[in-house]
């Protein structure tokens, strides 16, 4: 009986290691995709892109450190490639304006994502407090319908 139990334990251990390695690889690929697209690297962005949990990312020191370093870095906007032809001032002005608007848009989207992440945390804390007090659902008057925001 102990041989069968040992074999099951070994099989489960191997499966858990393989699953963890697959999730780690998915997180690494997600980070690379986010960098390639020029998006901000946050735990929430990596979690969403790789379909892994926050806990998984926080509990893996290598992934956590990499995400924290990338999050702290300011991603410079690449300068437009210099063309061989002399560009008109209008094209240069419009390109500059588009670049500025894109940067502003990215900052606003990041601020919204940060606010949403904070709101989710507050919501979780409130739900835990309700559960601690023995209430299972919030009163009907306290329910707020979700709002859809088009960021594009």
C-alpha atoms as a PDB file:
ATOM      1  CA  UNK A   1       0.000   0.000   0.000  1.00  0.00           C
ATOM      2  CA  UNK A   2       2.859   2.391   0.681  1.00  0.00           C
ATOM      3  CA  UNK A   3       4.290   1.694  -2.804  1.00  0.00           C
ATOM      4  CA  UNK A   4       1.057   2.848  -4.432  1.00  0.00           C
ATOM      5  CA  UNK A   5       0.902   5.893  -2.156  1.00  0.00           C
ATOM      6  CA  UNK A   6       4.530   6.782  -2.882  1.00  0.00           C
ATOM      7  CA  UNK A   7       3.896   6.416  -6.605  1.00  0.00           C
ATOM      8  CA  UNK A   8       0.830   8.709  -6.404  1.00  0.00           C
ATOM      9  CA  UNK A   9       2.785  11.283  -4.426  1.00  0.00           C
ATOM     10  CA  UNK A  10       5.613  11.183  -6.956  1.00  0.00           C
ATOM     11  CA  UNK A  11       3.188  11.476  -9.890  1.00  0.00           C
ATOM     12  CA  UNK A  12       1.435  14.450  -8.283  1.00  0.00           C
ATOM     13  CA  UNK A  13       4.770  16.122  -7.505  1.00  0.00           C
ATOM     14  CA  UNK A  14       5.915  15.754 -11.111  1.00  0.00           C
ATOM     15  CA  UNK A  15       2.596  17.114 -12.378  1.00  0.00           C
ATOM     16  CA  UNK A  16       2.750  20.091  -9.991  1.00  0.00           C
ATOM     17  CA  UNK A  17       6.300  20.925 -11.096  1.00  0.00           C
ATOM     18  CA  UNK A  18       5.311  20.702 -14.764  1.00  0.00           C
ATOM     19  CA  UNK A  19       2.285  22.955 -14.168  1.00  0.00           C
ATOM     20  CA  UNK A  20       4.427  25.489 -12.316  1.00  0.00           C
ATOM     21  CA  UNK A  21       7.014  25.494 -15.101  1.00  0.00           C
ATOM     22  CA  UNK A  22       4.295  25.984 -17.711  1.00  0.00           C
ATOM     23  CA  UNK A  23       2.854  28.927 -15.759  1.00  0.00           C
ATOM     24  CA  UNK A  24       6.319  30.433 -15.332  1.00  0.00           C
ATOM     25  CA  UNK A  25       6.946  30.122 -19.065  1.00  0.00           C
ATOM     26  CA  UNK A  26       3.534  31.674 -19.814  1.00  0.00           C
ATOM     27  CA  UNK A  27       4.339  34.615 -17.511  1.00  0.00           C
ATOM     28  CA  UNK A  28       7.744  35.124 -19.166  1.00  0.00           C
ATOM     29  CA  UNK A  29       6.138  35.120 -22.617  1.00  0.00           C
ATOM     30  CA  UNK A  30       3.455  37.534 -21.418  1.00  0.00           C
ATOM     31  CA  UNK A  31       6.122  39.932 -20.165  1.00  0.00           C
ATOM     32  CA  UNK A  32       7.887  39.771 -23.535  1.00  0.00           C
ATOM     33  CA  UNK A  33       4.619  40.441 -25.390  1.00  0.00           C
ATOM     34  CA  UNK A  34       3.800  43.416 -23.160  1.00  0.00           C
ATOM     35  CA  UNK A  35       7.265  44.870 -23.698  1.00  0.00           C
ATOM     36  CA  UNK A  36       6.992  44.351 -27.440  1.00  0.00           C
ATOM     37  CA  UNK A  37       3.636  46.169 -27.536  1.00  0.00           C
ATOM     38  CA  UNK A  38       5.020  48.979 -25.369  1.00  0.00           C
ATOM     39  CA  UNK A  39       2.475  48.443 -22.601  1.00  0.00           C
ATOM     40  CA  UNK A  40       3.157  49.082 -18.940  1.00  0.00           C
ATOM     41  CA  UNK A  41       4.446  46.056 -17.052  1.00  0.00           C
ATOM     42  CA  UNK A  42       2.348  45.526 -13.925  1.00  0.00           C
ATOM     43  CA  UNK A  43       1.351  42.469 -11.970  1.00  0.00           C
ATOM     44  CA  UNK A  44      -2.221  42.871 -13.204  1.00  0.00           C
ATOM     45  CA  UNK A  45      -1.141  43.189 -16.844  1.00  0.00           C
ATOM     46  CA  UNK A  46       1.061  40.073 -16.629  1.00  0.00           C
ATOM     47  CA  UNK A  47      -1.655  38.176 -14.785  1.00  0.00           C
ATOM     48  CA  UNK A  48      -4.211  39.058 -17.441  1.00  0.00           C
ATOM     49  CA  UNK A  49      -1.863  38.327 -20.355  1.00  0.00           C
ATOM     50  CA  UNK A  50      -0.558  35.000 -18.988  1.00  0.00           C
ATOM     51  CA  UNK A  51      -3.774  33.795 -17.302  1.00  0.00           C
ATOM     52  CA  UNK A  52      -2.037  33.225 -13.988  1.00  0.00           C
ATOM     53  CA  UNK A  53      -2.945  34.443 -10.508  1.00  0.00           C
ATOM     54  CA  UNK A  54      -1.464  37.374  -8.627  1.00  0.00           C
ATOM     55  CA  UNK A  55      -0.389  34.928  -5.921  1.00  0.00           C
ATOM     56  CA  UNK A  56       1.586  32.886  -8.453  1.00  0.00           C
ATOM     57  CA  UNK A  57       3.473  35.985  -9.624  1.00  0.00           C
ATOM     58  CA  UNK A  58       4.123  37.254  -6.094  1.00  0.00           C
ATOM     59  CA  UNK A  59       5.277  33.835  -4.860  1.00  0.00           C
ATOM     60  CA  UNK A  60       7.933  33.425  -7.573  1.00  0.00           C
ATOM     61  CA  UNK A  61      10.860  35.666  -6.609  1.00  0.00           C
ATOM     62  CA  UNK A  62      12.378  35.754 -10.110  1.00  0.00           C
ATOM     63  CA  UNK A  63       9.119  36.777 -11.792  1.00  0.00           C
ATOM     64  CA  UNK A  64       8.249  39.195  -9.007  1.00  0.00           C
ATOM     65  CA  UNK A  65      11.635  40.905  -9.146  1.00  0.00           C
ATOM     66  CA  UNK A  66      11.542  41.179 -12.925  1.00  0.00           C
ATOM     67  CA  UNK A  67       8.040  42.667 -12.943  1.00  0.00           C
ATOM     68  CA  UNK A  68       8.956  45.139 -10.189  1.00  0.00           C
ATOM     69  CA  UNK A  69      12.096  46.247 -12.086  1.00  0.00           C
ATOM     70  CA  UNK A  70      10.235  46.636 -15.368  1.00  0.00           C
ATOM     71  CA  UNK A  71       7.391  48.479 -13.673  1.00  0.00           C
ATOM     72  CA  UNK A  72       9.866  50.953 -12.171  1.00  0.00           C
ATOM     73  CA  UNK A  73      11.533  51.692 -15.487  1.00  0.00           C
ATOM     74  CA  UNK A  74      10.152  54.502 -17.557  1.00  0.00           C
ATOM     75  CA  UNK A  75       9.723  53.234 -21.063  1.00  0.00           C
ATOM     76  CA  UNK A  76      11.100  55.842 -23.452  1.00  0.00           C
ATOM     77  CA  UNK A  77       9.099  56.514 -26.577  1.00  0.00           C
ATOM     78  CA  UNK A  78      11.174  55.560 -29.603  1.00  0.00           C
ATOM     79  CA  UNK A  79      12.109  58.487 -31.806  1.00  0.00           C
ATOM     80  CA  UNK A  80      10.585  58.389 -35.271  1.00  0.00           C
ATOM     81  CA  UNK A  81      12.961  57.051 -37.883  1.00  0.00           C
ATOM     82  CA  UNK A  82      14.684  59.802 -39.822  1.00  0.00           C
ATOM     83  CA  UNK A  83      13.732  59.709 -43.452  1.00  0.00           C
ATOM     84  CA  UNK A  84      16.082  60.517 -46.269  1.00  0.00           C
ATOM     85  CA  UNK A  85      13.623  63.065 -47.699  1.00  0.00           C
ATOM     86  CA  UNK A  86      13.128  66.393 -45.992  1.00  0.00           C
ATOM     87  CA  UNK A  87       9.819  66.121 -44.102  1.00  0.00           C
ATOM     88  CA  UNK A  88       7.451  69.044 -44.125  1.00  0.00           C
ATOM     89  CA  UNK A  89       6.904  71.004 -40.909  1.00  0.00           C
ATOM     90  CA  UNK A  90       3.252  69.954 -40.963  1.00  0.00           C
ATOM     91  CA  UNK A  91       4.169  66.250 -40.890  1.00  0.00           C
ATOM     92  CA  UNK A  92       6.664  66.865 -38.086  1.00  0.00           C
ATOM     93  CA  UNK A  93       4.122  68.861 -36.062  1.00  0.00           C
ATOM     94  CA  UNK A  94       1.398  66.245 -36.500  1.00  0.00           C
ATOM     95  CA  UNK A  95       3.769  63.405 -35.663  1.00  0.00           C
ATOM     96  CA  UNK A  96       4.829  65.220 -32.511  1.00  0.00           C
ATOM     97  CA  UNK A  97       1.207  65.825 -31.544  1.00  0.00           C
ATOM     98  CA  UNK A  98       0.268  62.186 -32.134  1.00  0.00           C
ATOM     99  CA  UNK A  99       3.230  61.020 -30.051  1.00  0.00           C
ATOM    100  CA  UNK A 100       2.229  63.358 -27.214  1.00  0.00           C
ATOM    101  CA  UNK A 101      -1.409  62.208 -27.379  1.00  0.00           C
ATOM    102  CA  UNK A 102      -0.388  58.551 -27.374  1.00  0.00           C
ATOM    103  CA  UNK A 103       1.766  59.114 -24.289  1.00  0.00           C
ATOM    104  CA  UNK A 104      -1.074  60.971 -22.568  1.00  0.00           C
ATOM    105  CA  UNK A 105      -3.487  58.159 -23.482  1.00  0.00           C
ATOM    106  CA  UNK A 106      -1.143  55.492 -22.102  1.00  0.00           C
ATOM    107  CA  UNK A 107      -0.776  57.444 -18.853  1.00  0.00           C
ATOM    108  CA  UNK A 108      -4.536  57.872 -18.510  1.00  0.00           C
ATOM    109  CA  UNK A 109      -5.164  54.179 -19.211  1.00  0.00           C
ATOM    110  CA  UNK A 110      -2.516  53.229 -16.649  1.00  0.00           C
ATOM    111  CA  UNK A 111      -4.079  55.553 -14.070  1.00  0.00           C
ATOM    112  CA  UNK A 112      -7.479  53.961 -14.724  1.00  0.00           C
ATOM    113  CA  UNK A 113      -6.036  50.471 -14.425  1.00  0.00           C
ATOM    114  CA  UNK A 114      -4.323  51.408 -11.150  1.00  0.00           C
ATOM    115  CA  UNK A 115      -7.577  52.880  -9.820  1.00  0.00           C
ATOM    116  CA  UNK A 116      -9.475  49.761 -10.889  1.00  0.00           C
ATOM    117  CA  UNK A 117      -6.915  47.521  -9.195  1.00  0.00           C
ATOM    118  CA  UNK A 118      -7.248  49.562  -5.999  1.00  0.00           C
ATOM    119  CA  UNK A 119     -11.051  49.424  -6.208  1.00  0.00           C
ATOM    120  CA  UNK A 120     -10.909  45.641  -6.618  1.00  0.00           C
ATOM    121  CA  UNK A 121      -8.775  45.439  -3.480  1.00  0.00           C
ATOM    122  CA  UNK A 122     -11.168  47.633  -1.529  1.00  0.00           C
ATOM    123  CA  UNK A 123     -14.095  45.554  -2.793  1.00  0.00           C
ATOM    124  CA  UNK A 124     -12.375  42.372  -1.624  1.00  0.00           C
ATOM    125  CA  UNK A 125     -11.727  43.875   1.807  1.00  0.00           C
ATOM    126  CA  UNK A 126     -15.368  44.934   2.107  1.00  0.00           C
ATOM    127  CA  UNK A 127     -16.580  41.478   1.071  1.00  0.00           C
ATOM    128  CA  UNK A 128     -14.308  39.898   3.675  1.00  0.00           C
ATOM    129  CA  UNK A 129     -15.645  42.283   6.309  1.00  0.00           C
ATOM    130  CA  UNK A 130     -19.221  41.390   5.356  1.00  0.00           C
ATOM    131  CA  UNK A 131     -18.391  37.693   5.535  1.00  0.00           C
ATOM    132  CA  UNK A 132     -16.741  38.206   8.920  1.00  0.00           C
ATOM    133  CA  UNK A 133     -19.877  39.898  10.189  1.00  0.00           C
ATOM    134  CA  UNK A 134     -21.987  37.014   8.934  1.00  0.00           C
ATOM    135  CA  UNK A 135     -23.662  38.774   6.026  1.00  0.00           C
ATOM    136  CA  UNK A 136     -23.657  36.822   2.775  1.00  0.00           C
ATOM    137  CA  UNK A 137     -24.856  39.468   0.304  1.00  0.00           C
ATOM    138  CA  UNK A 138     -24.871  43.255   0.456  1.00  0.00           C
ATOM    139  CA  UNK A 139     -28.217  45.008   0.864  1.00  0.00           C
ATOM    140  CA  UNK A 140     -29.994  45.631  -2.443  1.00  0.00           C
ATOM    141  CA  UNK A 141     -29.598  49.406  -2.152  1.00  0.00           C
ATOM    142  CA  UNK A 142     -25.802  49.057  -1.883  1.00  0.00           C
ATOM    143  CA  UNK A 143     -25.375  47.208  -5.199  1.00  0.00           C
ATOM    144  CA  UNK A 144     -23.859  49.392  -7.908  1.00  0.00           C
ATOM    145  CA  UNK A 145     -24.220  48.322 -11.514  1.00  0.00           C
ATOM    146  CA  UNK A 146     -20.979  47.952 -13.503  1.00  0.00           C
ATOM    147  CA  UNK A 147     -20.066  50.731 -15.901  1.00  0.00           C
ATOM    148  CA  UNK A 148     -18.523  49.974 -19.261  1.00  0.00           C
ATOM    149  CA  UNK A 149     -15.788  52.383 -20.354  1.00  0.00           C
ATOM    150  CA  UNK A 150     -14.500  52.428 -23.920  1.00  0.00           C
ATOM    151  CA  UNK A 151     -10.762  53.130 -23.713  1.00  0.00           C
ATOM    152  CA  UNK A 152     -10.145  53.085 -27.440  1.00  0.00           C
END
